[in-house]
Amino acid sequence: MVKNISGLLIGFISVPLGIGGGSLMVPFLRTFGYDIRTSIGTAAAVGFLIALTGTTTMIIGGNIIDNVKSPFSYGYINLLGFIVFVPITMIMARIGAKVVYKINKKLLSRIFGCFLLIVSVRSFFEYFSIT
């Protein structure tokens, strides 16, 4: 049950942070003892729930909270961008999940750790530049 709800919660949290849900899902799954490859593959598979929650949050936030009225947009979701990025993301998620199994586990963990470090440093600087 916790794992099923986690996709929804991670999607809700990742949107305001401006990061992909997989960035949070992989460490979450690693906490439950899954190896890095299984964690990345599962995060890609659960990506739909994460994206659905994030999209819903952005539509509600844009329509109700800020009353966004941009052309080709529904809330904070730009429909033209949606049409372009969804198919590309679906294709690349499959390719990425296959590539993960060809990379050494230790190297893959280090690469992912560096990615999370870069994301956290970027978020840190963005937070303090909002003055």
Protein backbone atom coordinates (compact mmCIF):
# COMPACT_ATOMS: atom_id res chain seq x y z
CA MET A 1 0.00 0.00 0.00
CA VAL A 2 2.81 2.44 0.89
CA LYS A 3 4.52 1.79 -2.44
CA ASN A 4 1.29 2.39 -4.37
CA ILE A 5 0.62 5.74 -2.71
CA SER A 6 4.27 6.77 -3.01
CA GLY A 7 3.87 7.61 -6.71
CA LEU A 8 1.13 10.08 -5.89
CA LEU A 9 3.03 11.67 -3.03
CA ILE A 10 6.28 11.88 -4.96
CA GLY A 11 4.47 13.49 -7.90
CA PHE A 12 2.90 16.03 -5.58
CA ILE A 13 6.28 16.86 -3.98
CA SER A 14 8.42 16.85 -7.15
CA VAL A 15 6.34 19.48 -8.98
CA PRO A 16 7.07 22.40 -6.62
CA LEU A 17 10.71 21.32 -6.49
CA GLY A 18 10.90 21.41 -10.29
CA ILE A 19 12.47 17.97 -10.60
CA GLY A 20 11.37 14.73 -12.17
CA GLY A 21 9.60 12.26 -9.93
CA GLY A 22 12.21 9.60 -10.63
CA SER A 23 14.75 11.72 -8.79
CA LEU A 24 12.76 11.08 -5.63
CA MET A 25 11.39 7.63 -6.46
CA VAL A 26 14.79 5.96 -6.92
CA PRO A 27 16.11 6.87 -3.44
CA PHE A 28 12.70 5.94 -2.00
CA LEU A 29 12.91 2.46 -3.52
CA ARG A 30 16.55 2.09 -2.49
CA THR A 31 15.38 2.70 1.08
CA PHE A 32 13.18 -0.40 0.72
CA GLY A 33 16.23 -2.45 -0.31
CA TYR A 34 15.81 -2.55 -4.10
CA ASP A 35 19.02 -2.46 -6.12
CA ILE A 36 19.77 0.55 -8.31
CA ARG A 37 18.67 -1.08 -11.57
CA THR A 38 15.33 -2.23 -10.23
CA SER A 39 14.78 1.16 -8.62
CA ILE A 40 15.39 3.03 -11.87
CA GLY A 41 13.23 0.63 -13.88
CA THR A 42 10.40 0.83 -11.37
CA ALA A 43 10.64 4.62 -11.22
CA ALA A 44 10.31 4.70 -15.01
CA ALA A 45 7.29 2.38 -14.85
CA VAL A 46 5.60 4.36 -12.07
CA GLY A 47 6.45 7.57 -13.89
CA PHE A 48 2.91 7.69 -15.25
CA LEU A 49 1.43 8.06 -11.74
CA ILE A 50 4.03 10.65 -10.85
CA ALA A 51 3.39 12.62 -14.04
CA LEU A 52 -0.38 12.38 -13.66
CA THR A 53 -0.24 13.74 -10.13
CA GLY A 54 2.18 16.48 -11.14
CA THR A 55 0.04 17.46 -14.13
CA THR A 56 -3.11 17.59 -12.00
CA THR A 57 -1.33 19.74 -9.43
CA MET A 58 -0.12 22.15 -12.11
CA ILE A 59 -3.57 22.43 -13.73
CA ILE A 60 -5.30 23.06 -10.40
CA GLY A 61 -2.61 25.47 -9.24
CA GLY A 62 -2.70 27.45 -12.46
CA ASN A 63 -6.48 27.59 -12.75
CA ILE A 64 -7.61 28.02 -9.16
CA ILE A 65 -4.73 29.71 -7.38
CA ASP A 66 -3.24 32.00 -10.05
CA ASN A 67 -6.02 32.02 -12.69
CA VAL A 68 -3.52 31.61 -15.57
CA LYS A 69 -4.98 32.50 -18.98
CA SER A 70 -2.05 31.91 -21.39
CA PRO A 71 -2.81 30.74 -24.93
CA PHE A 72 -2.67 26.96 -25.49
CA SER A 73 -2.45 26.41 -21.74
CA TYR A 74 -4.62 24.80 -19.15
CA GLY A 75 -3.38 26.03 -15.79
CA TYR A 76 0.41 25.85 -15.81
CA ILE A 77 0.35 23.08 -18.46
CA ASN A 78 1.16 24.29 -21.96
CA LEU A 79 -0.67 21.97 -24.35
CA LEU A 80 1.83 22.40 -27.20
CA GLY A 81 4.71 21.44 -24.90
CA PHE A 82 2.66 18.53 -23.60
CA ILE A 83 2.07 17.23 -27.13
CA VAL A 84 5.80 17.42 -27.92
CA PHE A 85 7.30 16.13 -24.68
CA VAL A 86 4.99 13.25 -23.76
CA PRO A 87 5.84 11.02 -26.76
CA ILE A 88 9.55 11.82 -26.49
CA THR A 89 9.53 11.03 -22.76
CA MET A 90 7.73 7.73 -23.35
CA ILE A 91 10.32 6.67 -25.93
CA MET A 92 13.33 7.79 -23.88
CA ALA A 93 12.06 6.15 -20.67
CA ARG A 94 12.07 2.78 -22.42
CA ILE A 95 15.53 3.35 -23.85
CA GLY A 96 16.85 4.52 -20.47
CA ALA A 97 15.41 1.51 -18.67
CA LYS A 98 17.18 -0.81 -21.13
CA VAL A 99 20.50 1.07 -20.92
CA VAL A 100 20.47 0.83 -17.12
CA TYR A 101 20.98 -2.93 -17.32
CA LYS A 102 24.11 -2.49 -19.46
CA ILE A 103 25.92 -0.25 -16.96
CA ASN A 104 27.85 -1.51 -13.92
CA LYS A 105 25.72 -1.16 -10.74
CA LYS A 106 28.41 0.66 -8.80
CA LEU A 107 29.04 3.14 -11.62
CA LEU A 108 25.30 3.63 -12.06
CA SER A 109 24.87 4.43 -8.35
CA ARG A 110 27.69 6.98 -8.53
CA ILE A 111 26.27 8.62 -11.65
CA PHE A 112 22.84 8.87 -10.04
CA GLY A 113 24.37 10.23 -6.84
CA CYS A 114 26.18 12.93 -8.83
CA PHE A 115 22.93 13.76 -10.60
CA LEU A 116 21.13 14.20 -7.27
CA LEU A 117 24.00 16.33 -5.97
CA ILE A 118 23.77 18.61 -9.02
CA VAL A 119 19.99 18.90 -8.65
CA SER A 120 20.28 19.76 -4.96
CA VAL A 121 23.01 22.38 -5.55
CA ARG A 122 20.93 23.95 -8.34
CA SER A 123 17.87 24.03 -6.09
CA PHE A 124 19.93 25.55 -3.29
CA PHE A 125 21.17 28.40 -5.51
CA GLU A 126 17.70 28.99 -6.95
CA TYR A 127 16.25 29.19 -3.46
CA PHE A 128 18.68 31.89 -2.36
CA SER A 129 18.44 33.89 -5.62
CA ILE A 130 14.67 34.52 -5.20
CA THR A 131 15.18 37.64 -3.07
